[in-house]
């Protein structure tokens, strides 16, 4: 809407204005009050201005072309080392000056107010010793103020005194001003002057629009940065919650499998105890049988003097009983062998189950370690090497380390204060 209004206003003011009727000097009757030349917009006498930047006594710059800068009739100009876009051009080897350091804006509609804005320079801009905000609103500069570009480093002190001169120097402008002040010309304005006033109004509207657009861009950038920071914080929180939920599920599954394995092991141990009790019972019976056979043998030895018939009967009975005992003993031994075979089989089955459970646990541990390594890798990639927090405005150095823009900026400032070298070093690997 602003652009459409500006376009319509421009096209309207560019049309040719009709001439005003000539003054009737012979008629001395009262005339209606006519339009005067005076206007709230600047007059032609103040259509030109000059801004002079003069190096102060503290500025000991050896380059002669950097002692005085003179800017004429420019409402917006930049300062830096880039010859493609800077009007206040410093040499390429000048320290403490960025490629595009700052920008000056002159508002001719309000007493030629001069504003300076830091274009995110490395070493900042200072007005009367006070550093201006790199991301804030422009700072107003008055005539006589001292503007310093960059910090004071050794013999380098880029301080300049600002002076603003308003007015035209050529004879044509003076003659034009004198002609406009004559009695015959003070009664009413000429079409040329109206067109000049229209041009001045256009420039005023351009200035207002540029300021409004710049303010809205700054507000939009701040809102976008806040939204981006909130989104990154929400993503990090969701990732952390998801990771904690997966870890909790994995732990629950592992604990459940461990509990099942312990129950199976307890059942197997119960079976082993029952079989051991049965084996002890069989051994007790075998010992009892052997004891009975020993007693029987002793009784047979005592009855040797008995009758042969009784002896034979006793011997036959003893043989029969011995055969029966041997048969029972064989049965017991067969049962013992079968019990041992079952025990070995169950032991092998238990060992196989243990091996399977161990393999499953190894696979789970490997998956858990792999997940932890992935999480650690993700955390390292999104974590600043200095503040160990989530990266904000990530900045990668030539050595490959990545950190927050604010962290590396603070490190470079502290390093430049403590180190006399002109180059900064990486806070991690100390590489220049």
Protein backbone atom coordinates (compact mmCIF):
# COMPACT_ATOMS: atom_id res chain seq x y z
CA UNK A 1 0.00 0.00 0.00
CA UNK A 2 2.87 2.40 0.79
CA UNK A 3 4.53 1.70 -2.56
CA UNK A 4 1.25 2.24 -4.43
CA UNK A 5 0.66 5.54 -2.61
CA UNK A 6 4.22 6.68 -3.31
CA UNK A 7 3.88 5.80 -7.03
CA UNK A 8 0.60 7.73 -7.40
CA UNK A 9 2.03 10.73 -5.55
CA UNK A 10 5.15 10.72 -7.75
CA UNK A 11 3.19 10.52 -10.98
CA UNK A 12 0.90 13.35 -9.82
CA UNK A 13 3.70 15.71 -8.86
CA UNK A 14 5.57 15.05 -12.12
CA UNK A 15 2.76 16.60 -14.14
CA UNK A 16 3.31 20.13 -15.45
CA UNK A 17 1.86 22.73 -13.10
CA UNK A 18 -0.14 25.64 -14.63
CA UNK A 19 1.45 29.10 -14.31
CA UNK A 20 0.09 31.53 -11.75
CA UNK A 21 -1.49 34.81 -12.98
CA UNK A 22 0.87 37.79 -13.14
CA UNK A 23 0.76 40.49 -10.48
CA UNK A 24 -1.27 43.61 -11.27
CA UNK A 25 0.94 46.37 -9.94
CA UNK A 26 -1.42 49.17 -11.14
CA UNK A 27 -4.35 47.97 -9.09
CA UNK A 28 -4.03 49.22 -5.52
CA UNK A 29 -7.33 47.76 -4.38
CA UNK A 30 -7.21 45.22 -1.60
CA UNK A 31 -6.20 41.85 -2.96
CA UNK A 32 -6.78 38.44 -1.39
CA UNK A 33 -3.85 37.03 0.52
CA UNK A 34 -1.59 35.15 -1.84
CA UNK A 35 0.63 32.14 -1.23
CA UNK A 36 4.09 33.01 0.10
CA UNK A 37 7.39 31.45 -0.93
CA UNK A 38 8.13 30.25 2.61
CA UNK A 39 7.48 26.51 3.02
CA UNK A 40 7.98 24.00 5.84
CA UNK A 41 10.12 22.02 3.40
CA UNK A 42 13.71 23.13 2.99
CA UNK A 43 14.28 26.09 0.64
CA UNK A 44 16.57 26.05 -2.40
CA UNK A 45 19.23 27.79 -0.36
CA UNK A 46 19.46 24.72 1.88
CA UNK A 47 19.23 22.12 -0.90
CA UNK A 48 22.93 21.32 -0.56
CA UNK A 49 24.88 20.06 2.45
CA UNK A 50 28.35 18.81 3.25
CA UNK A 51 29.47 16.41 5.97
CA UNK A 52 33.13 16.60 6.98
CA UNK A 53 34.96 13.94 9.01
CA UNK A 54 38.26 15.31 10.37
CA UNK A 55 40.78 13.10 12.15
CA UNK A 56 41.24 14.01 15.84
CA UNK A 57 44.56 14.49 17.64
CA UNK A 58 44.41 10.92 18.91
CA UNK A 59 44.14 9.62 15.35
CA UNK A 60 47.72 8.90 14.25
CA UNK A 61 46.89 7.22 10.99
CA UNK A 62 49.82 7.49 8.58
CA UNK A 63 47.69 7.36 5.41
CA UNK A 64 47.09 10.90 4.18
CA UNK A 65 43.90 9.94 2.32
CA UNK A 66 42.30 8.87 5.62
CA UNK A 67 42.81 12.15 7.50
CA UNK A 68 39.77 14.01 6.13
CA UNK A 69 36.59 12.70 4.45
CA UNK A 70 34.13 15.08 2.73
CA UNK A 71 30.66 13.87 1.74
CA UNK A 72 28.44 16.23 -0.29
CA UNK A 73 24.72 15.96 -1.05
CA UNK A 74 24.35 12.27 -0.12
CA UNK A 75 21.61 11.23 2.21
CA UNK A 76 22.96 7.71 2.63
CA UNK A 77 26.58 6.56 2.43
CA UNK A 78 28.67 3.71 3.78
CA UNK A 79 32.13 3.49 5.35
CA UNK A 80 34.59 0.60 5.00
CA UNK A 81 37.31 -0.99 2.88
CA UNK A 82 35.09 -2.14 -0.01
CA UNK A 83 35.55 0.22 -2.98
CA UNK A 84 32.42 -1.16 -4.64
CA UNK A 85 29.91 0.25 -2.15
CA UNK A 86 31.74 2.54 0.32
CA UNK A 87 31.94 6.34 -0.06
CA UNK A 88 34.25 6.74 2.95
CA UNK A 89 36.92 4.39 1.64
CA UNK A 90 39.80 3.19 3.81
CA UNK A 91 42.86 1.39 2.51
CA UNK A 92 42.72 -2.40 2.25
CA UNK A 93 45.49 -2.82 4.87
CA UNK A 94 43.86 -0.54 7.47
CA UNK A 95 43.34 -2.54 10.69
CA UNK A 96 40.22 -2.52 12.87
CA UNK A 97 38.05 -1.52 9.84
CA UNK A 98 35.63 -4.05 8.36
CA UNK A 99 34.86 -4.45 4.66
CA UNK A 100 31.51 -2.64 5.12
CA UNK A 101 31.81 -1.15 8.59
CA UNK A 102 28.81 1.17 9.07
CA UNK A 103 26.21 3.30 7.29
CA UNK A 104 25.32 7.00 7.68
CA UNK A 105 21.84 8.36 6.91
CA UNK A 106 21.04 12.09 6.72
CA UNK A 107 17.48 13.32 7.25
CA UNK A 108 17.27 16.77 5.54
CA UNK A 109 13.66 17.29 6.60
CA UNK A 110 14.42 17.51 10.33
CA UNK A 111 17.30 20.00 10.68
CA UNK A 112 19.65 17.68 8.79
CA UNK A 113 19.84 15.03 11.48
CA UNK A 114 22.65 12.51 10.91
CA UNK A 115 22.27 8.88 12.02
CA UNK A 116 24.86 6.07 12.05
CA UNK A 117 24.10 2.33 12.06
CA UNK A 118 26.62 -0.44 12.72
CA UNK A 119 26.46 -3.04 9.90
CA UNK A 120 27.54 -5.87 12.25
CA UNK A 121 31.18 -4.87 12.05
CA UNK A 122 33.88 -6.82 13.84
CA UNK A 123 35.17 -4.05 16.12
CA UNK A 124 32.07 -1.82 16.43
CA UNK A 125 31.30 1.89 16.13
CA UNK A 126 31.64 4.37 19.03
CA UNK A 127 29.93 7.77 19.35
CA UNK A 128 31.57 9.97 22.00
CA UNK A 129 33.21 6.87 23.48
CA UNK A 130 29.94 4.89 23.75
CA UNK A 131 29.54 1.81 21.53
CA UNK A 132 26.28 1.58 19.58
CA UNK A 133 24.24 -1.59 19.40
CA UNK A 134 25.02 -3.68 16.30
CA UNK A 135 21.45 -4.99 16.09
CA UNK A 136 19.59 -1.96 17.51
CA UNK A 137 18.26 1.28 16.11
CA UNK A 138 20.57 3.84 14.43
CA UNK A 139 22.39 6.32 16.69
CA UNK A 140 22.01 10.06 16.11
CA UNK A 141 25.25 12.01 15.54
CA UNK A 142 25.36 15.77 16.14
CA UNK A 143 27.81 18.31 14.77
CA UNK A 144 30.94 18.30 16.94
CA UNK A 145 30.55 14.69 18.10
CA UNK A 146 33.48 12.28 17.90
CA UNK A 147 32.93 9.05 16.00
CA UNK A 148 35.44 6.23 16.36
CA UNK A 149 35.48 3.28 13.95
CA UNK A 150 36.77 0.15 15.70
CA UNK A 151 38.49 -0.31 19.02
CA UNK A 152 41.74 1.36 20.09
CA UNK A 153 44.52 -1.08 19.24
CA UNK A 154 48.15 0.00 19.79
CA UNK A 155 48.70 3.12 17.69
CA UNK A 156 45.48 2.69 15.68
CA UNK A 157 42.71 5.06 16.78
CA UNK A 158 40.26 5.87 13.96
CA UNK A 159 38.55 8.84 15.68
CA UNK A 160 36.94 11.62 13.61
CA UNK A 161 35.20 14.86 14.49
CA UNK A 162 31.91 15.37 12.59
CA UNK A 163 30.84 18.74 11.15
CA UNK A 164 27.71 19.39 9.06
CA UNK A 165 27.52 22.42 6.74
CA UNK A 166 24.21 23.34 5.08
CA UNK A 167 23.87 25.76 2.11
CA UNK A 168 24.81 26.30 -1.58
CA UNK A 169 28.22 27.63 -2.59
CA UNK A 170 27.65 28.43 -6.25
CA UNK A 171 26.71 31.90 -7.50
CA UNK A 172 23.62 30.59 -9.24
CA UNK A 173 21.99 29.52 -5.98
CA UNK A 174 22.86 32.85 -4.33
CA UNK A 175 21.40 34.79 -7.23
CA UNK A 176 18.32 32.64 -7.13
CA UNK A 177 17.93 33.29 -3.42
CA UNK A 178 18.39 37.04 -3.91
CA UNK A 179 15.83 37.09 -6.68
CA UNK A 180 13.32 35.24 -4.53
CA UNK A 181 13.71 37.83 -1.76
CA UNK A 182 12.79 40.84 -3.96
CA UNK A 183 9.42 42.56 -3.26
CA UNK A 184 8.05 41.60 -6.62
CA UNK A 185 8.85 37.93 -6.05
CA UNK A 186 7.65 37.53 -2.46
CA UNK A 187 4.00 37.83 -3.31
CA UNK A 188 3.52 34.41 -4.87
CA UNK A 189 5.53 31.29 -5.76
CA UNK A 190 6.64 30.33 -9.27
CA UNK A 191 5.86 26.99 -10.92
CA UNK A 192 9.56 26.11 -10.77
CA UNK A 193 9.58 26.56 -7.00
CA UNK A 194 6.40 24.48 -6.65
CA UNK A 195 8.04 21.69 -8.60
CA UNK A 196 11.05 21.94 -6.31
CA UNK A 197 8.76 21.72 -3.32
CA UNK A 198 7.06 18.69 -4.86
CA UNK A 199 10.48 17.08 -5.41
CA UNK A 200 11.37 17.83 -1.79
CA UNK A 201 8.08 16.25 -0.66
CA UNK A 202 8.89 13.15 -2.69
CA UNK A 203 12.29 12.95 -1.05
CA UNK A 204 10.66 13.39 2.37
CA UNK A 205 8.24 10.56 1.65
CA UNK A 206 11.12 8.39 0.43
CA UNK A 207 12.97 9.07 3.69
CA UNK A 208 9.89 8.26 5.81
CA UNK A 209 9.21 5.10 3.81
CA UNK A 210 12.84 3.95 4.07
CA UNK A 211 12.81 4.52 7.83
CA UNK A 212 9.48 2.70 8.26
CA UNK A 213 10.67 -0.16 6.07
CA UNK A 214 13.95 -0.42 7.96
CA UNK A 215 12.11 -0.41 11.32
CA UNK A 216 9.70 -3.11 10.15
CA UNK A 217 12.60 -5.20 8.80
CA UNK A 218 14.36 -4.94 12.16
CA UNK A 219 11.19 -5.97 14.02
CA UNK A 220 10.60 -8.81 11.55
CA UNK A 221 14.18 -10.08 11.96
CA UNK A 222 13.86 -9.98 15.75
CA UNK A 223 10.55 -11.88 15.64
CA UNK A 224 11.99 -14.46 13.26
CA UNK A 225 15.04 -14.94 15.49
CA UNK A 226 12.79 -15.39 18.54
CA UNK A 227 10.58 -17.87 16.68
CA UNK A 228 13.65 -19.77 15.42
CA UNK A 229 15.14 -19.95 18.92
CA UNK A 230 11.80 -21.16 20.35
CA UNK A 231 11.49 -23.75 17.55
CA UNK A 232 15.03 -25.03 18.15
CA UNK A 233 14.38 -25.24 21.88
CA UNK A 234 11.11 -27.13 21.26
CA UNK A 235 12.87 -29.55 18.85
CA UNK A 236 15.63 -30.19 21.38
CA UNK A 237 13.06 -30.81 24.11
CA UNK A 238 11.05 -33.20 21.90
CA UNK A 239 14.24 -35.09 20.93
CA UNK A 240 15.18 -35.40 24.60
CA UNK A 241 11.70 -36.65 25.54
CA UNK A 242 11.71 -39.17 22.66
CA UNK A 243 15.16 -40.39 23.64
CA UNK A 244 14.14 -40.79 27.28
CA UNK A 245 10.96 -42.66 26.26
CA UNK A 246 12.90 -45.08 24.00
CA UNK A 247 15.50 -45.66 26.71
CA UNK A 248 12.76 -46.34 29.27
CA UNK A 249 11.04 -48.83 26.94
CA UNK A 250 14.33 -50.58 26.23
CA UNK A 251 15.11 -50.80 29.95
CA UNK A 252 11.64 -52.20 30.67
CA UNK A 253 12.06 -54.87 27.95
CA UNK A 254 15.50 -55.79 29.28
CA UNK A 255 14.24 -56.04 32.85
CA UNK A 256 11.26 -58.17 31.75
CA UNK A 257 13.52 -60.57 29.81
CA UNK A 258 15.89 -60.73 32.78
CA UNK A 259 12.96 -61.56 35.10
CA UNK A 260 11.76 -64.35 32.74
CA UNK A 261 15.27 -65.79 32.56
CA UNK A 262 15.53 -65.75 36.36
CA UNK A 263 12.16 -67.56 36.64
CA UNK A 264 13.31 -70.24 34.18
CA UNK A 265 16.59 -70.63 36.03
CA UNK A 266 14.72 -70.95 39.32
CA UNK A 267 12.49 -73.70 37.84
CA UNK A 268 15.52 -75.58 36.50
CA UNK A 269 17.24 -75.32 39.87
CA UNK A 270 14.08 -76.69 41.56
CA UNK A 271 14.11 -79.69 39.18
CA UNK A 272 17.79 -80.24 39.90
CA UNK A 273 17.11 -80.22 43.63
CA UNK A 274 14.30 -82.78 43.21
CA UNK A 275 16.52 -85.06 41.12
CA UNK A 276 19.31 -84.73 43.67
CA UNK A 277 16.91 -85.75 46.43
CA UNK A 278 15.85 -88.80 44.37
CA UNK A 279 19.47 -89.76 43.79
CA UNK A 280 20.19 -89.49 47.51
CA UNK A 281 17.19 -91.73 48.20
CA UNK A 282 18.47 -94.33 45.69
CA UNK A 283 21.93 -94.24 47.26
CA UNK A 284 20.41 -94.76 50.70
CA UNK A 285 18.47 -97.76 49.41
CA UNK A 286 21.62 -99.20 47.82
CA UNK A 287 23.55 -98.79 51.05
CA UNK A 288 20.71 -100.47 52.92
CA UNK A 289 20.77 -103.41 50.47
CA UNK A 290 24.52 -103.77 50.79
CA UNK A 291 24.23 -103.69 54.56
CA UNK A 292 21.54 -106.37 54.46
CA UNK A 293 23.71 -108.54 52.19
CA UNK A 294 26.61 -108.17 54.58
CA UNK A 295 24.44 -109.19 57.49
CA UNK A 296 23.11 -112.11 55.49
CA UNK A 297 26.63 -113.27 54.70
CA UNK A 298 27.56 -113.14 58.36
CA UNK A 299 24.48 -115.14 59.25
CA UNK A 300 25.38 -117.69 56.58
CA UNK A 301 28.87 -118.00 58.01
CA UNK A 302 27.44 -118.60 61.48
CA UNK A 303 25.11 -121.31 60.22
CA UNK A 304 27.81 -123.34 58.47
CA UNK A 305 27.47 -125.99 61.12
CA UNK A 306 23.85 -126.46 60.32
CA UNK A 307 22.47 -129.33 58.46
CA UNK A 308 23.56 -129.71 54.85
CA UNK A 309 19.96 -129.78 53.82
CA UNK A 310 19.32 -126.65 55.75
CA UNK A 311 22.59 -125.36 54.38
CA UNK A 312 21.57 -126.09 50.85
CA UNK A 313 18.17 -124.58 51.43
CA UNK A 314 19.75 -121.61 53.03
CA UNK A 315 22.27 -121.39 50.22
CA UNK A 316 19.56 -121.69 47.60
CA UNK A 317 17.52 -119.08 49.44
CA UNK A 318 20.56 -116.90 49.75
CA UNK A 319 21.38 -117.33 46.07
CA UNK A 320 17.79 -116.55 45.17
CA UNK A 321 17.83 -113.47 47.36
CA UNK A 322 21.23 -112.51 46.04
CA UNK A 323 20.00 -112.85 42.48
CA UNK A 324 17.03 -110.73 43.37
CA UNK A 325 19.29 -108.18 45.01
CA UNK A 326 21.57 -108.12 42.00
CA UNK A 327 18.58 -107.66 39.78
CA UNK A 328 17.43 -104.79 42.00
CA UNK A 329 20.95 -103.40 41.98
CA UNK A 330 21.05 -103.54 38.20
CA UNK A 331 17.69 -101.83 38.10
CA UNK A 332 18.99 -99.17 40.45
CA UNK A 333 22.16 -98.72 38.38
CA UNK A 334 20.07 -98.50 35.18
CA UNK A 335 17.85 -95.94 36.86
CA UNK A 336 20.96 -94.06 38.03
CA UNK A 337 22.40 -94.07 34.48
CA UNK A 338 19.08 -92.89 33.08
CA UNK A 339 18.97 -90.19 35.76
CA UNK A 340 22.54 -89.14 34.88
CA UNK A 341 21.66 -89.05 31.16
CA UNK A 342 18.60 -86.90 31.87
CA UNK A 343 20.71 -84.67 34.09
CA UNK A 344 23.34 -84.23 31.37
CA UNK A 345 20.63 -83.54 28.83
CA UNK A 346 18.99 -80.95 31.08
CA UNK A 347 22.40 -79.44 31.84
CA UNK A 348 23.12 -79.15 28.11
CA UNK A 349 19.66 -77.61 27.54
CA UNK A 350 20.29 -75.16 30.39
CA UNK A 351 23.69 -74.25 28.91
CA UNK A 352 22.13 -73.77 25.48
CA UNK A 353 19.46 -71.49 26.96
CA UNK A 354 22.15 -69.56 28.82
CA UNK A 355 24.11 -69.13 25.57
CA UNK A 356 20.98 -67.94 23.76
CA UNK A 357 20.16 -65.47 26.54
CA UNK A 358 23.77 -64.23 26.52
CA UNK A 359 23.65 -63.74 22.73
CA UNK A 360 20.36 -61.84 23.03
CA UNK A 361 21.80 -59.68 25.80
CA UNK A 362 24.87 -58.97 23.64
CA UNK A 363 22.63 -57.93 20.73
CA UNK A 364 20.60 -55.68 23.05
CA UNK A 365 23.78 -54.17 24.52
CA UNK A 366 25.17 -53.55 21.01
CA UNK A 367 21.91 -51.85 19.95
CA UNK A 368 21.91 -49.79 23.15
CA UNK A 369 25.55 -48.73 22.62
CA UNK A 370 24.86 -47.86 18.97
CA UNK A 371 21.88 -45.72 20.03
CA UNK A 372 23.99 -44.01 22.69
CA UNK A 373 26.76 -43.34 20.13
CA UNK A 374 24.22 -41.87 17.70
CA UNK A 375 22.82 -39.68 20.47
CA UNK A 376 26.31 -38.57 21.49
CA UNK A 377 27.18 -37.81 17.83
CA UNK A 378 23.97 -35.82 17.38
CA UNK A 379 24.60 -33.96 20.64
CA UNK A 380 28.20 -33.16 19.58
CA UNK A 381 27.03 -31.84 16.19
CA UNK A 382 24.40 -29.54 17.74
CA UNK A 383 26.44 -28.47 20.78
CA UNK A 384 28.72 -25.45 20.95
CA UNK A 385 32.39 -26.34 21.71
CA UNK A 386 32.65 -23.42 24.18
CA UNK A 387 29.35 -23.00 26.07
CA UNK A 388 28.24 -26.68 25.61
CA UNK A 389 24.76 -25.48 24.77
CA UNK A 390 22.66 -25.70 21.60
CA UNK A 391 24.27 -23.83 18.70
CA UNK A 392 22.85 -20.37 18.04
CA UNK A 393 23.99 -18.70 14.82
CA UNK A 394 26.58 -21.44 14.21
CA UNK A 395 29.98 -20.26 13.02
CA UNK A 396 32.59 -22.69 11.59
CA UNK A 397 36.30 -21.91 11.72
CA UNK A 398 38.93 -22.96 9.18
CA UNK A 399 40.12 -25.69 11.54
CA UNK A 400 36.67 -27.35 11.43
CA UNK A 401 35.38 -26.46 14.92
CA UNK A 402 31.85 -25.05 15.15
CA UNK A 403 30.53 -22.79 17.90
CA UNK A 404 28.05 -19.99 18.58
CA UNK A 405 28.68 -16.66 16.91
CA UNK A 406 28.49 -14.84 20.27
CA UNK A 407 30.92 -17.31 21.92
CA UNK A 408 33.60 -16.96 19.20
CA UNK A 409 33.12 -13.18 19.19
CA UNK A 410 33.70 -12.93 22.96
CA UNK A 411 36.71 -15.27 22.68
CA UNK A 412 38.24 -13.14 19.90
CA UNK A 413 37.74 -9.96 21.95
CA UNK A 414 39.44 -11.48 25.03
CA UNK A 415 42.20 -12.96 22.88
CA UNK A 416 42.92 -9.63 21.22
CA UNK A 417 43.17 -7.96 24.65
CA UNK A 418 45.62 -10.54 26.02
CA UNK A 419 47.54 -11.38 22.82
CA UNK A 420 49.56 -8.88 20.81
CA UNK A 421 49.17 -10.87 17.59
CA UNK A 422 46.82 -9.51 14.93
CA UNK A 423 45.40 -12.96 14.35
CA UNK A 424 42.96 -14.77 16.60
CA UNK A 425 43.36 -18.42 17.53
CA UNK A 426 40.82 -21.25 17.81
CA UNK A 427 39.80 -21.81 21.47
CA UNK A 428 39.87 -25.60 20.95
CA UNK A 429 42.97 -26.44 18.83
CA UNK A 430 44.75 -23.03 19.12
CA UNK A 431 45.09 -22.78 15.37
CA UNK A 432 45.36 -19.25 13.93
